[in-house]
Amino acid sequence: MTRWLTEAVPRGRVAAFRTLIYLFVAADLVVFTPWVRTRVSVPGDLYQPLLIGRLLPLPTPTATLVAVIFWSLLALALLAATGRAPRLLGWAVCALYLEWMIIAMSYGKVDHDRFGLLIALAVLPTAGRARHGDTTRTEAGGWALRVTQIAVICTYFLAAFAKLRFGGLDWLTGSVLARAIIRRGTDLADLIAQVPYLLIVAQFGIVAFELLSPTVFFLPPRWRLAMVGFFYSFHVVTIATITISFAPHLAAMTSFLPLERVRPLIWARRLVGRSPTAPTSTPPDQPPVDARAEASPLGDQVPAVGRPAGP
């Protein structure tokens, strides 16, 4: 079990995952959860902190507190994405983002799609230093990625458990998806809803897929990637039908992918190196030189350039 939990991975994979996660945190602040800043306009009596917020305890959000968290977290996440000071910046980002989420989720709604991301932020500081493109393997980095993977799969499995715990078998045969389509469905969802019993079949399929998600750990690497691809396709369909993105979960799920193969900076340098400037041309009065070597009658390779002219 210990060997599986600490299976070594290339340091380049850890570096790429770290950069992606911290860039997502910065994007989350300005794209996905900027509404958290509006919580300061809500009366403090409506602030009902989560259990962790009651245990610490954390203060009721104020305009100053939220502004300090927002700008500090944005700056530190961008710095952490560079890979510098991984422990210091990593722990700072983890603490600030946790408080950001406590503020966001303490007004009556808790999103389960952020569990994997929070775990990733908690374990990345333990992975140590890692550079993009480094092929040396690290068990500490492997442990960080494995724990994130477990959190991602727990998100699926525990979601199915919650469905059956609170909704019972009625969740499978009820109108859950129908209500979701009425509230926030797209034109594609409206077409799907017209097919008799298809939504019921989809509900059975969702619960089955979530309950079987742990099998991803028992598959060979190629099939594991195929199953992760299925996970992503499931969320593509979810976005296309009921406009729920699960973006934080999708970011954490990249822990399954061989991210060390994704080298955008290297690709960009190669593209820049292939400049469209034309190669040096030969003088107008000289015919173009054939770059291929020509064989002499004796079998020697005599380059075309410099071969004496003659009959």
Protein backbone atom coordinates (compact mmCIF):
# COMPACT_ATOMS: atom_id res chain seq x y z
CA MET A 1 0.00 0.00 0.00
CA THR A 2 2.83 2.37 0.89
CA ARG A 3 4.56 1.65 -2.41
CA TRP A 4 1.33 2.47 -4.28
CA LEU A 5 0.79 5.70 -2.34
CA THR A 6 4.35 6.89 -2.98
CA GLU A 7 4.78 5.63 -6.53
CA ALA A 8 7.51 7.83 -7.98
CA VAL A 9 6.65 10.20 -10.82
CA PRO A 10 8.80 12.56 -12.91
CA ARG A 11 9.50 15.87 -11.21
CA GLY A 12 8.44 17.56 -14.43
CA ARG A 13 4.91 16.21 -13.89
CA VAL A 14 4.81 17.69 -10.40
CA ALA A 15 6.08 21.04 -11.68
CA ALA A 16 3.46 21.15 -14.44
CA PHE A 17 0.66 20.18 -12.05
CA ARG A 18 1.79 22.79 -9.53
CA THR A 19 1.81 25.53 -12.16
CA LEU A 20 -1.61 24.53 -13.45
CA ILE A 21 -3.21 24.40 -9.98
CA TYR A 22 -1.87 27.76 -8.84
CA LEU A 23 -2.81 29.43 -12.11
CA PHE A 24 -6.30 28.00 -11.68
CA VAL A 25 -6.51 29.49 -8.19
CA ALA A 26 -5.71 32.91 -9.66
CA ALA A 27 -8.28 32.39 -12.43
CA ASP A 28 -10.85 31.18 -9.90
CA LEU A 29 -10.66 34.46 -8.01
CA VAL A 30 -11.41 36.60 -11.06
CA VAL A 31 -13.51 34.26 -13.23
CA PHE A 32 -15.37 31.63 -11.20
CA THR A 33 -15.77 33.05 -7.68
CA PRO A 34 -15.53 36.87 -7.87
CA TRP A 35 -18.99 36.89 -6.28
CA VAL A 36 -17.38 36.03 -2.95
CA ARG A 37 -16.43 39.71 -2.66
CA THR A 38 -20.11 40.61 -2.63
CA ARG A 39 -20.62 38.64 0.58
CA VAL A 40 -19.55 41.70 2.56
CA SER A 41 -22.83 43.38 1.61
CA VAL A 42 -24.81 40.56 3.25
CA PRO A 43 -25.80 41.10 6.92
CA GLY A 44 -23.40 39.38 9.28
CA ASP A 45 -26.28 37.52 10.93
CA LEU A 46 -26.60 35.41 7.78
CA TYR A 47 -23.00 34.23 8.05
CA GLN A 48 -23.15 30.64 9.32
CA PRO A 49 -19.56 29.38 9.17
CA LEU A 50 -18.76 25.80 8.32
CA LEU A 51 -17.55 23.52 11.08
CA ILE A 52 -13.91 24.40 10.47
CA GLY A 53 -14.81 28.08 10.67
CA ARG A 54 -16.44 27.49 14.06
CA LEU A 55 -13.55 25.43 15.41
CA LEU A 56 -10.71 27.83 14.57
CA PRO A 57 -12.69 30.28 15.02
CA LEU A 58 -12.67 32.64 12.06
CA PRO A 59 -14.01 36.22 12.05
CA THR A 60 -17.16 37.34 10.27
CA PRO A 61 -16.15 38.60 6.81
CA THR A 62 -15.71 42.35 6.41
CA ALA A 63 -14.91 44.42 3.35
CA THR A 64 -11.31 44.88 4.52
CA LEU A 65 -10.78 41.20 5.31
CA VAL A 66 -12.16 40.00 1.98
CA ALA A 67 -10.14 42.58 0.02
CA VAL A 68 -6.90 41.61 1.78
CA ILE A 69 -7.53 37.90 1.14
CA PHE A 70 -8.40 38.51 -2.52
CA TRP A 71 -5.35 40.60 -3.46
CA SER A 72 -2.90 38.63 -1.31
CA LEU A 73 -4.12 35.31 -2.68
CA LEU A 74 -4.03 36.55 -6.27
CA ALA A 75 -0.43 37.75 -5.96
CA LEU A 76 0.81 34.70 -4.04
CA ALA A 77 -0.87 32.22 -6.39
CA LEU A 78 0.84 33.80 -9.40
CA LEU A 79 4.18 33.69 -7.59
CA ALA A 80 3.65 30.07 -6.53
CA ALA A 81 2.92 29.10 -10.14
CA THR A 82 6.56 29.86 -10.94
CA GLY A 83 7.66 27.03 -8.65
CA ARG A 84 9.76 29.25 -6.40
CA ALA A 85 9.67 28.77 -2.61
CA PRO A 86 7.24 25.86 -3.01
CA ARG A 87 6.70 25.30 0.69
CA LEU A 88 6.40 28.89 1.87
CA LEU A 89 4.21 30.06 -0.99
CA GLY A 90 2.33 26.77 -1.12
CA TRP A 91 1.24 26.86 2.52
CA ALA A 92 0.30 30.55 2.22
CA VAL A 93 -1.88 29.90 -0.84
CA CYS A 94 -3.47 26.87 0.84
CA ALA A 95 -4.41 28.84 3.98
CA LEU A 96 -5.76 31.87 2.12
CA TYR A 97 -7.77 29.82 -0.38
CA LEU A 98 -9.25 27.73 2.43
CA GLU A 99 -10.46 30.93 4.11
CA TRP A 100 -11.77 32.15 0.73
CA MET A 101 -13.80 28.97 0.40
CA ILE A 102 -15.07 29.14 3.99
CA ILE A 103 -16.41 32.62 3.30
CA ALA A 104 -17.94 31.46 0.00
CA MET A 105 -19.65 28.38 1.45
CA SER A 106 -20.91 29.74 4.77
CA TYR A 107 -24.12 31.28 3.44
CA GLY A 108 -26.18 28.14 2.88
CA LYS A 109 -24.61 26.45 -0.18
CA VAL A 110 -21.59 24.14 -0.25
CA ASP A 111 -20.08 23.03 -3.56
CA HIS A 112 -18.51 19.58 -3.50
CA ASP A 113 -16.48 20.16 -6.68
CA ARG A 114 -13.71 21.95 -4.73
CA PHE A 115 -12.69 19.06 -2.51
CA GLY A 116 -10.00 17.75 -4.87
CA LEU A 117 -8.58 21.23 -5.43
CA LEU A 118 -8.34 21.93 -1.69
CA ILE A 119 -6.53 18.62 -1.14
CA ALA A 120 -4.14 19.43 -3.99
CA LEU A 121 -3.31 22.78 -2.38
CA ALA A 122 -2.73 21.03 0.95
CA VAL A 123 -0.31 18.41 -0.39
CA LEU A 124 1.60 20.31 -3.07
CA PRO A 125 3.88 22.09 -0.54
CA THR A 126 5.12 18.66 0.59
CA ALA A 127 6.28 17.71 -2.92
CA GLY A 128 9.41 19.84 -2.69
CA ARG A 129 11.16 21.53 -5.58
CA ALA A 130 10.44 20.43 -9.12
CA ARG A 131 11.44 21.87 -12.47
CA HIS A 132 9.60 21.61 -15.74
CA GLY A 133 11.05 18.92 -17.96
CA ASP A 134 12.95 17.18 -15.15
CA THR A 135 12.71 13.42 -15.73
CA THR A 136 14.13 12.37 -12.36
CA ARG A 137 11.52 10.66 -10.22
CA THR A 138 10.26 11.70 -6.84
CA GLU A 139 8.27 9.72 -4.29
CA ALA A 140 7.21 12.86 -2.43
CA GLY A 141 5.72 14.24 -5.64
CA GLY A 142 4.12 10.89 -6.37
CA TRP A 143 2.46 10.93 -2.97
CA ALA A 144 1.08 14.44 -3.55
CA LEU A 145 -0.41 13.42 -6.89
CA ARG A 146 -1.80 10.14 -5.53
CA VAL A 147 -3.55 11.84 -2.62
CA THR A 148 -5.09 14.33 -5.03
CA GLN A 149 -6.27 11.47 -7.24
CA ILE A 150 -7.90 9.79 -4.25
CA ALA A 151 -9.69 13.04 -3.39
CA VAL A 152 -10.95 13.33 -6.97
CA ILE A 153 -12.37 9.81 -6.92
CA CYS A 154 -13.84 10.33 -3.45
CA THR A 155 -15.72 13.30 -4.89
CA TYR A 156 -17.48 10.95 -7.30
CA PHE A 157 -18.00 8.04 -4.93
CA LEU A 158 -19.22 10.11 -1.99
CA ALA A 159 -21.54 12.06 -4.30
CA ALA A 160 -23.27 8.78 -5.18
CA PHE A 161 -23.37 7.86 -1.50
CA ALA A 162 -25.02 11.20 -0.67
CA LYS A 163 -27.58 10.75 -3.45
CA LEU A 164 -28.63 7.37 -2.11
CA ARG A 165 -28.42 8.45 1.52
CA PHE A 166 -30.63 11.53 1.24
CA GLY A 167 -32.66 10.73 -1.87
CA GLY A 168 -32.83 6.97 -1.64
CA LEU A 169 -33.84 4.96 -4.68
CA ASP A 170 -36.23 7.77 -5.56
CA TRP A 171 -33.20 9.73 -6.76
CA LEU A 172 -32.76 7.16 -9.51
CA THR A 173 -36.38 7.19 -10.66
CA GLY A 174 -37.33 10.77 -9.78
CA SER A 175 -37.19 14.02 -11.71
CA VAL A 176 -33.77 15.28 -10.61
CA LEU A 177 -32.40 15.90 -14.09
CA ALA A 178 -35.76 17.19 -15.31
CA ARG A 179 -35.75 19.89 -12.62
CA ALA A 180 -32.14 20.76 -13.45
CA ILE A 181 -33.04 21.17 -17.12
CA ILE A 182 -36.02 23.38 -16.25
CA ARG A 183 -33.83 25.60 -14.07
CA ARG A 184 -30.70 25.93 -16.20
CA GLY A 185 -30.98 23.65 -19.21
CA THR A 186 -29.71 24.44 -22.69
CA ASP A 187 -31.30 23.82 -26.09
CA LEU A 188 -29.42 20.51 -26.26
CA ALA A 189 -30.90 19.49 -22.91
CA ASP A 190 -34.39 20.34 -24.16
CA LEU A 191 -33.89 17.96 -27.09
CA ILE A 192 -32.65 15.19 -24.81
CA ALA A 193 -35.55 15.67 -22.40
CA GLN A 194 -38.01 14.87 -25.19
CA VAL A 195 -36.75 11.27 -25.48
CA PRO A 196 -38.95 9.06 -23.27
CA TYR A 197 -37.24 7.62 -20.17
CA LEU A 198 -33.81 8.87 -21.28
CA LEU A 199 -33.39 11.08 -18.21
CA ILE A 200 -34.23 8.16 -15.92
CA VAL A 201 -31.63 6.02 -17.70
CA ALA A 202 -29.15 8.88 -17.34
CA GLN A 203 -29.75 9.06 -13.59
CA PHE A 204 -29.06 5.34 -13.23
CA GLY A 205 -25.95 5.80 -15.35
CA ILE A 206 -24.66 8.71 -13.26
CA VAL A 207 -24.94 6.80 -9.99
CA ALA A 208 -23.39 3.67 -11.52
CA PHE A 209 -20.49 5.70 -12.96
CA GLU A 210 -19.85 7.40 -9.61
CA LEU A 211 -19.97 4.15 -7.64
CA LEU A 212 -17.60 2.44 -10.08
CA SER A 213 -15.15 5.35 -10.31
CA PRO A 214 -12.63 3.77 -7.85
CA THR A 215 -11.92 1.06 -10.42
CA VAL A 216 -9.73 3.60 -12.21
CA PHE A 217 -6.94 2.69 -9.78
CA PHE A 218 -7.01 -0.96 -10.83
CA LEU A 219 -6.68 -0.40 -14.57
CA PRO A 220 -3.49 -0.56 -16.67
CA PRO A 221 -2.05 2.89 -17.47
CA ARG A 222 -3.53 3.09 -20.98
CA TRP A 223 -7.02 2.10 -19.83
CA ARG A 224 -6.71 4.41 -16.83
CA LEU A 225 -6.15 7.36 -19.13
CA ALA A 226 -9.11 6.25 -21.23
CA MET A 227 -11.32 6.18 -18.14
CA VAL A 228 -10.12 9.63 -17.09
CA GLY A 229 -10.98 10.77 -20.61
CA PHE A 230 -14.48 9.41 -20.00
CA PHE A 231 -14.65 11.44 -16.77
CA TYR A 232 -13.82 14.59 -18.73
CA SER A 233 -16.36 13.75 -21.44
CA PHE A 234 -19.03 13.33 -18.74
CA HIS A 235 -18.36 16.87 -17.57
CA VAL A 236 -18.39 18.18 -21.13
CA VAL A 237 -21.91 16.78 -21.48
CA THR A 238 -22.84 18.29 -18.11
CA ILE A 239 -21.69 21.72 -19.22
CA ALA A 240 -23.44 21.39 -22.57
CA THR A 241 -26.77 20.38 -21.01
CA ILE A 242 -27.19 21.96 -17.57
CA THR A 243 -24.25 24.46 -17.61
CA ILE A 244 -22.50 23.11 -14.51
CA SER A 245 -18.76 23.23 -15.08
CA PHE A 246 -17.05 21.53 -12.06
CA ALA A 247 -13.97 23.51 -13.10
CA PRO A 248 -12.03 23.08 -9.81
CA HIS A 249 -12.63 19.34 -9.95
CA LEU A 250 -11.43 19.19 -13.55
CA ALA A 251 -8.24 21.03 -12.60
CA ALA A 252 -7.53 18.58 -9.77
CA MET A 253 -8.24 15.63 -12.07
CA THR A 254 -5.21 16.54 -14.20
CA SER A 255 -3.24 14.76 -11.47
CA PHE A 256 -3.98 11.59 -13.47
CA LEU A 257 -2.42 12.94 -16.67
CA PRO A 258 1.22 12.78 -17.87
CA LEU A 259 1.53 16.55 -17.70
CA GLU A 260 5.30 16.43 -18.13
CA ARG A 261 4.65 15.94 -21.85
CA VAL A 262 2.89 19.29 -22.07
CA ARG A 263 5.64 21.88 -22.60
CA PRO A 264 4.04 25.10 -23.87
CA LEU A 265 7.20 27.17 -23.41
CA ILE A 266 9.29 24.69 -25.39
CA TRP A 267 6.65 24.59 -28.11
CA ALA A 268 6.56 28.38 -28.25
CA ARG A 269 10.35 28.58 -28.54
CA ARG A 270 10.30 26.08 -31.38
CA LEU A 271 7.66 28.10 -33.19
CA VAL A 272 9.67 31.28 -32.73
CA GLY A 273 12.79 29.47 -33.94
CA ARG A 274 11.00 28.58 -37.17
CA SER A 275 10.91 32.16 -38.35
CA PRO A 276 9.36 32.78 -41.75
CA THR A 277 12.51 34.48 -43.08
CA ALA A 278 13.61 33.02 -46.39
CA PRO A 279 16.89 31.09 -46.54
CA THR A 280 19.95 32.67 -48.12
CA SER A 281 19.54 32.45 -51.89
CA THR A 282 22.24 31.71 -54.45
CA PRO A 283 23.46 34.44 -56.81
CA PRO A 284 21.20 34.96 -59.84
CA ASP A 285 23.83 33.77 -62.31
CA GLN A 286 24.58 30.56 -60.44
CA PRO A 287 22.23 27.57 -60.72
CA PRO A 288 20.87 26.16 -57.47
CA VAL A 289 23.11 23.60 -55.84
CA ASP A 290 21.79 20.10 -55.37
CA ALA A 291 22.31 19.25 -51.71
CA ARG A 292 22.42 15.55 -52.39
CA ALA A 293 25.78 13.89 -52.87
CA GLU A 294 26.51 12.37 -56.26
CA ALA A 295 28.28 9.04 -56.64
CA SER A 296 31.46 8.89 -58.70
CA PRO A 297 32.17 5.97 -61.05
CA LEU A 298 34.49 4.58 -58.37
CA GLY A 299 31.72 4.60 -55.79
CA ASP A 300 33.13 7.53 -53.79
CA GLN A 301 30.71 10.18 -52.61
CA VAL A 302 31.73 13.41 -54.30
CA PRO A 303 29.70 16.45 -53.21
CA ALA A 304 28.12 18.44 -55.99
CA VAL A 305 29.65 21.58 -54.55
CA GLY A 306 33.21 22.00 -55.69
CA ARG A 307 33.14 19.17 -58.25
CA PRO A 308 35.42 20.18 -61.14
CA ALA A 309 33.61 20.91 -64.32
CA GLY A 310 34.42 18.86 -67.37
CA PRO A 311 33.10 16.39 -69.83
